[in-house]
Amino acid sequence: MVLPIFTATLQSTILTLCSLLIAQYLTSSPPPNIPALLLYTLLSTPPNYLWQQYIENRFPGYTLKKLDVDDGGKGVEVDKRLNVRNTLIKLGLDQTIAAVINVAAYIGGSRALRGVPLQECWTAVREQMWPVMKAGYKLWPAVNLVQHLFIPVERKTVVGSLVGMGWGVYLALFAAQ
C-alpha cells in the first residue's frame, strides 16, 4: 500500500510539471529549469503535507458528537459541527507562518537548486518576499479557507497544488507582459 504522503507528493509534482509546461506554451518563453522546480516540489510537498496533518490534529476543524438515538440498533448518529475557532487558528497559521516559510523557500530554494549562489538567493528572498506575499493574499486565504472547510486533510496538499498550477500559469503570464 502506498502511503498518502507519497501519493500527494507525486500528484503535486505532476501538477507542477503541467503548470510549467502550460506557462511555457502560453508565453513562448524559454523553458524554466524544469528539473530544479520538480525537485523543489518533491522536497517541499512532504513537509507541507505533514504541516497540514499537524495543524488538523492540533486544531480539529470539526467536532464529532455521538447522539443517542433509538434506531433499533442500526448504528449511531453523529453530529458533525464546524469548530470556527480552530478553523480560524489554522487559517491564521497557514497565512502567516506557513506562507512566509513557503514563499521564502520557493524564492530562495528554487534558485539554489538551479545553482544560484546563496547570497543571490538571499537577496532574491529579501527583494521578492513581500511583493509575492501581497499578490498571494489575493488568492490563497480564500483557497485555504475552502480547504479547511471542505477538503479532507490528506487531500489539502494536492488541492493546493492544483490551485497552484493555475497560480503558476497566472504568474508566468503576468511576468511575460
C-alpha atoms as a PDB file:
ATOM      1  CA  MET A   1       0.000   0.000   0.000  1.00  0.00           C
ATOM      2  CA  VAL A   2       1.350   3.420  -0.977  1.00  0.00           C
ATOM      3  CA  LEU A   3       1.442   5.961   1.829  1.00  0.00           C
ATOM      4  CA  PRO A   4      -0.785   9.019   1.255  1.00  0.00           C
ATOM      5  CA  ILE A   5       2.204  11.363   1.645  1.00  0.00           C
ATOM      6  CA  PHE A   6       3.890   9.712  -1.356  1.00  0.00           C
ATOM      7  CA  THR A   7       0.708   9.875  -3.424  1.00  0.00           C
ATOM      8  CA  ALA A   8       0.279  13.580  -2.585  1.00  0.00           C
ATOM      9  CA  THR A   9       3.920  14.272  -3.460  1.00  0.00           C
ATOM     10  CA  LEU A  10       3.648  12.503  -6.814  1.00  0.00           C
ATOM     11  CA  GLN A  11       0.375  14.270  -7.649  1.00  0.00           C
ATOM     12  CA  SER A  12       1.821  17.670  -6.691  1.00  0.00           C
ATOM     13  CA  THR A  13       4.902  17.040  -8.822  1.00  0.00           C
ATOM     14  CA  ILE A  14       2.788  16.116 -11.850  1.00  0.00           C
ATOM     15  CA  LEU A  15       0.685  19.266 -11.374  1.00  0.00           C
ATOM     16  CA  THR A  16       3.858  21.351 -11.121  1.00  0.00           C
ATOM     17  CA  LEU A  17       5.109  19.887 -14.383  1.00  0.00           C
ATOM     18  CA  CYS A  18       1.769  20.685 -16.045  1.00  0.00           C
ATOM     19  CA  SER A  19       1.920  24.251 -14.744  1.00  0.00           C
ATOM     20  CA  LEU A  20       5.433  24.761 -16.087  1.00  0.00           C
ATOM     21  CA  LEU A  21       4.570  23.336 -19.497  1.00  0.00           C
ATOM     22  CA  ILE A  22       1.341  25.333 -19.830  1.00  0.00           C
ATOM     23  CA  ALA A  23       3.083  28.560 -18.820  1.00  0.00           C
ATOM     24  CA  GLN A  24       5.894  27.873 -21.258  1.00  0.00           C
ATOM     25  CA  TYR A  25       3.425  27.205 -24.072  1.00  0.00           C
ATOM     26  CA  LEU A  26       1.304  30.295 -23.362  1.00  0.00           C
ATOM     27  CA  THR A  27       4.253  32.657 -23.027  1.00  0.00           C
ATOM     28  CA  SER A  28       6.515  31.128 -25.683  1.00  0.00           C
ATOM     29  CA  SER A  29       9.287  31.801 -23.209  1.00  0.00           C
ATOM     30  CA  PRO A  30      12.427  29.722 -22.843  1.00  0.00           C
ATOM     31  CA  PRO A  31      11.796  26.707 -20.655  1.00  0.00           C
ATOM     32  CA  PRO A  32      12.401  27.194 -16.951  1.00  0.00           C
ATOM     33  CA  ASN A  33      14.779  24.860 -15.219  1.00  0.00           C
ATOM     34  CA  ILE A  34      12.119  22.169 -15.035  1.00  0.00           C
ATOM     35  CA  PRO A  35      14.229  19.538 -13.205  1.00  0.00           C
ATOM     36  CA  ALA A  36      15.103  22.009 -10.429  1.00  0.00           C
ATOM     37  CA  LEU A  37      11.477  23.096  -9.974  1.00  0.00           C
ATOM     38  CA  LEU A  38      10.291  19.488  -9.931  1.00  0.00           C
ATOM     39  CA  LEU A  39      12.948  18.658  -7.344  1.00  0.00           C
ATOM     40  CA  TYR A  40      11.778  21.636  -5.295  1.00  0.00           C
ATOM     41  CA  THR A  41       8.211  20.247  -5.409  1.00  0.00           C
ATOM     42  CA  LEU A  42       9.435  16.789  -4.404  1.00  0.00           C
ATOM     43  CA  LEU A  43      11.276  18.305  -1.436  1.00  0.00           C
ATOM     44  CA  SER A  44       8.616  20.804  -0.334  1.00  0.00           C
ATOM     45  CA  THR A  45       5.451  18.718  -0.570  1.00  0.00           C
ATOM     46  CA  PRO A  46       6.148  16.262   2.283  1.00  0.00           C
ATOM     47  CA  PRO A  47       6.783  18.980   4.916  1.00  0.00           C
ATOM     48  CA  ASN A  48       3.628  20.798   3.790  1.00  0.00           C
ATOM     49  CA  TYR A  49       1.651  17.563   3.948  1.00  0.00           C
ATOM     50  CA  LEU A  50       2.925  16.911   7.475  1.00  0.00           C
ATOM     51  CA  TRP A  51       2.181  20.521   8.455  1.00  0.00           C
ATOM     52  CA  GLN A  52      -1.458  20.093   7.370  1.00  0.00           C
ATOM     53  CA  GLN A  53      -1.681  16.849   9.344  1.00  0.00           C
ATOM     54  CA  TYR A  54      -0.196  18.545  12.410  1.00  0.00           C
ATOM     55  CA  ILE A  55      -2.482  21.576  12.446  1.00  0.00           C
ATOM     56  CA  GLU A  56      -5.552  19.435  11.782  1.00  0.00           C
ATOM     57  CA  ASN A  57      -4.646  17.146  14.701  1.00  0.00           C
ATOM     58  CA  ARG A  58      -3.828  20.111  16.947  1.00  0.00           C
ATOM     59  CA  PHE A  59      -6.853  22.203  15.895  1.00  0.00           C
ATOM     60  CA  PRO A  60      -9.568  19.881  14.536  1.00  0.00           C
ATOM     61  CA  GLY A  61     -11.845  21.712  12.135  1.00  0.00           C
ATOM     62  CA  TYR A  62     -14.881  19.693  13.135  1.00  0.00           C
ATOM     63  CA  THR A  63     -16.041  18.222  16.401  1.00  0.00           C
ATOM     64  CA  LEU A  64     -17.961  14.990  16.371  1.00  0.00           C
ATOM     65  CA  LYS A  65     -20.569  14.188  18.975  1.00  0.00           C
ATOM     66  CA  LYS A  66     -22.383  10.875  19.218  1.00  0.00           C
ATOM     67  CA  LEU A  67     -26.096  11.330  19.586  1.00  0.00           C
ATOM     68  CA  ASP A  68     -28.303   8.944  21.492  1.00  0.00           C
ATOM     69  CA  VAL A  69     -30.917   7.735  19.051  1.00  0.00           C
ATOM     70  CA  ASP A  70     -33.398   4.928  19.119  1.00  0.00           C
ATOM     71  CA  ASP A  71     -32.681   3.424  15.727  1.00  0.00           C
ATOM     72  CA  GLY A  72     -33.263  -0.217  16.545  1.00  0.00           C
ATOM     73  CA  GLY A  73     -29.542  -0.975  16.836  1.00  0.00           C
ATOM     74  CA  LYS A  74     -28.706   0.065  13.265  1.00  0.00           C
ATOM     75  CA  GLY A  75     -25.898   2.401  14.239  1.00  0.00           C
ATOM     76  CA  VAL A  76     -25.022   5.634  15.926  1.00  0.00           C
ATOM     77  CA  GLU A  77     -25.896   9.050  14.621  1.00  0.00           C
ATOM     78  CA  VAL A  78     -23.079  11.575  14.736  1.00  0.00           C
ATOM     79  CA  ASP A  79     -23.412  15.345  14.886  1.00  0.00           C
ATOM     80  CA  LYS A  80     -20.535  16.993  12.992  1.00  0.00           C
ATOM     81  CA  ARG A  81     -20.054  20.661  13.843  1.00  0.00           C
ATOM     82  CA  LEU A  82     -17.627  23.204  12.461  1.00  0.00           C
ATOM     83  CA  ASN A  83     -15.194  24.453  15.080  1.00  0.00           C
ATOM     84  CA  VAL A  84     -14.954  28.082  13.948  1.00  0.00           C
ATOM     85  CA  ARG A  85     -12.205  28.976  16.425  1.00  0.00           C
ATOM     86  CA  ASN A  86      -9.926  26.134  15.298  1.00  0.00           C
ATOM     87  CA  THR A  87     -10.622  26.838  11.628  1.00  0.00           C
ATOM     88  CA  LEU A  88      -9.631  30.492  12.093  1.00  0.00           C
ATOM     89  CA  ILE A  89      -6.495  29.469  14.011  1.00  0.00           C
ATOM     90  CA  LYS A  90      -5.466  27.126  11.167  1.00  0.00           C
ATOM     91  CA  LEU A  91      -6.183  29.828   8.598  1.00  0.00           C
ATOM     92  CA  GLY A  92      -4.066  32.294  10.579  1.00  0.00           C
ATOM     93  CA  LEU A  93      -1.174  29.852  10.968  1.00  0.00           C
ATOM     94  CA  ASP A  94      -1.264  28.930   7.279  1.00  0.00           C
ATOM     95  CA  GLN A  95      -1.379  32.541   6.111  1.00  0.00           C
ATOM     96  CA  THR A  96       1.423  33.719   8.395  1.00  0.00           C
ATOM     97  CA  ILE A  97       3.985  31.144   9.494  1.00  0.00           C
ATOM     98  CA  ALA A  98       3.471  28.614   6.686  1.00  0.00           C
ATOM     99  CA  ALA A  99       3.106  31.281   3.982  1.00  0.00           C
ATOM    100  CA  VAL A 100       6.317  33.077   4.950  1.00  0.00           C
ATOM    101  CA  ILE A 101       8.271  29.822   5.101  1.00  0.00           C
ATOM    102  CA  ASN A 102       6.861  28.540   1.794  1.00  0.00           C
ATOM    103  CA  VAL A 103       7.356  31.782  -0.122  1.00  0.00           C
ATOM    104  CA  ALA A 104      10.906  32.230   1.177  1.00  0.00           C
ATOM    105  CA  ALA A 105      11.687  28.579   0.451  1.00  0.00           C
ATOM    106  CA  TYR A 106      10.290  28.851  -3.063  1.00  0.00           C
ATOM    107  CA  ILE A 107      12.104  32.071  -3.926  1.00  0.00           C
ATOM    108  CA  GLY A 108      15.428  31.018  -2.414  1.00  0.00           C
ATOM    109  CA  GLY A 109      15.196  27.245  -2.692  1.00  0.00           C
ATOM    110  CA  SER A 110      14.204  27.075  -6.329  1.00  0.00           C
ATOM    111  CA  ARG A 111      17.161  29.328  -7.157  1.00  0.00           C
ATOM    112  CA  ALA A 112      19.572  27.330  -5.011  1.00  0.00           C
ATOM    113  CA  LEU A 113      18.504  24.136  -6.786  1.00  0.00           C
ATOM    114  CA  ARG A 114      19.359  25.830 -10.100  1.00  0.00           C
ATOM    115  CA  GLY A 115      22.878  26.516  -8.828  1.00  0.00           C
ATOM    116  CA  VAL A 116      22.442  30.203  -7.986  1.00  0.00           C
ATOM    117  CA  PRO A 117      24.916  31.316  -5.268  1.00  0.00           C
ATOM    118  CA  LEU A 118      23.391  31.504  -1.780  1.00  0.00           C
ATOM    119  CA  GLN A 119      23.997  35.250  -1.432  1.00  0.00           C
ATOM    120  CA  GLU A 120      21.963  35.855  -4.607  1.00  0.00           C
ATOM    121  CA  CYS A 121      19.233  33.537  -3.306  1.00  0.00           C
ATOM    122  CA  TRP A 122      19.033  35.510  -0.074  1.00  0.00           C
ATOM    123  CA  THR A 123      18.940  38.812  -1.986  1.00  0.00           C
ATOM    124  CA  ALA A 124      16.075  37.479  -4.118  1.00  0.00           C
ATOM    125  CA  VAL A 125      14.174  36.455  -0.966  1.00  0.00           C
ATOM    126  CA  ARG A 126      14.626  39.923   0.556  1.00  0.00           C
ATOM    127  CA  GLU A 127      13.560  41.705  -2.641  1.00  0.00           C
ATOM    128  CA  GLN A 128      10.681  39.494  -3.729  1.00  0.00           C
ATOM    129  CA  MET A 129       9.218  38.185  -0.469  1.00  0.00           C
ATOM    130  CA  TRP A 130       6.653  40.893   0.259  1.00  0.00           C
ATOM    131  CA  PRO A 131       5.529  41.527  -3.333  1.00  0.00           C
ATOM    132  CA  VAL A 132       4.879  37.792  -3.749  1.00  0.00           C
ATOM    133  CA  MET A 133       3.138  37.605  -0.349  1.00  0.00           C
ATOM    134  CA  LYS A 134       0.945  40.593  -1.252  1.00  0.00           C
ATOM    135  CA  ALA A 135      -0.015  39.038  -4.596  1.00  0.00           C
ATOM    136  CA  GLY A 136      -0.675  35.701  -2.917  1.00  0.00           C
ATOM    137  CA  TYR A 137      -3.008  37.242  -0.340  1.00  0.00           C
ATOM    138  CA  LYS A 138      -5.404  37.988  -3.205  1.00  0.00           C
ATOM    139  CA  LEU A 139      -5.954  34.244  -3.719  1.00  0.00           C
ATOM    140  CA  TRP A 140      -4.574  31.965  -1.043  1.00  0.00           C
ATOM    141  CA  PRO A 141      -6.630  32.938   2.038  1.00  0.00           C
ATOM    142  CA  ALA A 142      -9.841  32.040   0.172  1.00  0.00           C
ATOM    143  CA  VAL A 143      -8.319  28.786  -1.120  1.00  0.00           C
ATOM    144  CA  ASN A 144      -7.040  27.971   2.344  1.00  0.00           C
ATOM    145  CA  LEU A 145     -10.431  28.621   3.946  1.00  0.00           C
ATOM    146  CA  VAL A 146     -12.176  26.348   1.428  1.00  0.00           C
ATOM    147  CA  GLN A 147      -9.546  23.674   2.112  1.00  0.00           C
ATOM    148  CA  HIS A 148     -10.113  23.852   5.872  1.00  0.00           C
ATOM    149  CA  LEU A 149     -13.890  23.770   5.491  1.00  0.00           C
ATOM    150  CA  PHE A 150     -14.396  21.148   2.792  1.00  0.00           C
ATOM    151  CA  ILE A 151     -11.232  19.231   1.845  1.00  0.00           C
ATOM    152  CA  PRO A 152     -10.053  16.153   3.787  1.00  0.00           C
ATOM    153  CA  VAL A 153      -6.658  16.764   5.360  1.00  0.00           C
ATOM    154  CA  GLU A 154      -4.924  14.124   3.233  1.00  0.00           C
ATOM    155  CA  ARG A 155      -6.057  15.945   0.052  1.00  0.00           C
ATOM    156  CA  LYS A 156      -5.216  19.526   1.059  1.00  0.00           C
ATOM    157  CA  THR A 157      -1.694  19.472  -0.383  1.00  0.00           C
ATOM    158  CA  VAL A 158      -2.924  18.185  -3.739  1.00  0.00           C
ATOM    159  CA  VAL A 159      -5.778  20.706  -3.892  1.00  0.00           C
ATOM    160  CA  GLY A 160      -3.251  23.414  -3.068  1.00  0.00           C
ATOM    161  CA  SER A 161      -1.042  22.137  -5.891  1.00  0.00           C
ATOM    162  CA  LEU A 162      -3.978  22.136  -8.299  1.00  0.00           C
ATOM    163  CA  VAL A 163      -4.774  25.766  -7.485  1.00  0.00           C
ATOM    164  CA  GLY A 164      -1.032  26.408  -7.528  1.00  0.00           C
ATOM    165  CA  MET A 165      -0.946  25.115 -11.093  1.00  0.00           C
ATOM    166  CA  GLY A 166      -3.313  27.870 -12.153  1.00  0.00           C
ATOM    167  CA  TRP A 167      -1.471  30.378  -9.967  1.00  0.00           C
ATOM    168  CA  GLY A 168       1.830  29.421 -11.574  1.00  0.00           C
ATOM    169  CA  VAL A 169       0.407  29.920 -15.052  1.00  0.00           C
ATOM    170  CA  TYR A 170      -1.011  33.288 -13.992  1.00  0.00           C
ATOM    171  CA  LEU A 171       2.356  34.420 -12.593  1.00  0.00           C
ATOM    172  CA  ALA A 172       4.151  33.307 -15.740  1.00  0.00           C
ATOM    173  CA  LEU A 173       1.691  35.206 -17.939  1.00  0.00           C
ATOM    174  CA  PHE A 174       1.925  38.260 -15.687  1.00  0.00           C
ATOM    175  CA  ALA A 175       5.707  38.178 -15.786  1.00  0.00           C
ATOM    176  CA  ALA A 176       5.680  37.897 -19.582  1.00  0.00           C
ATOM    177  CA  GLN A 177       3.761  41.180 -20.017  1.00  0.00           C
END
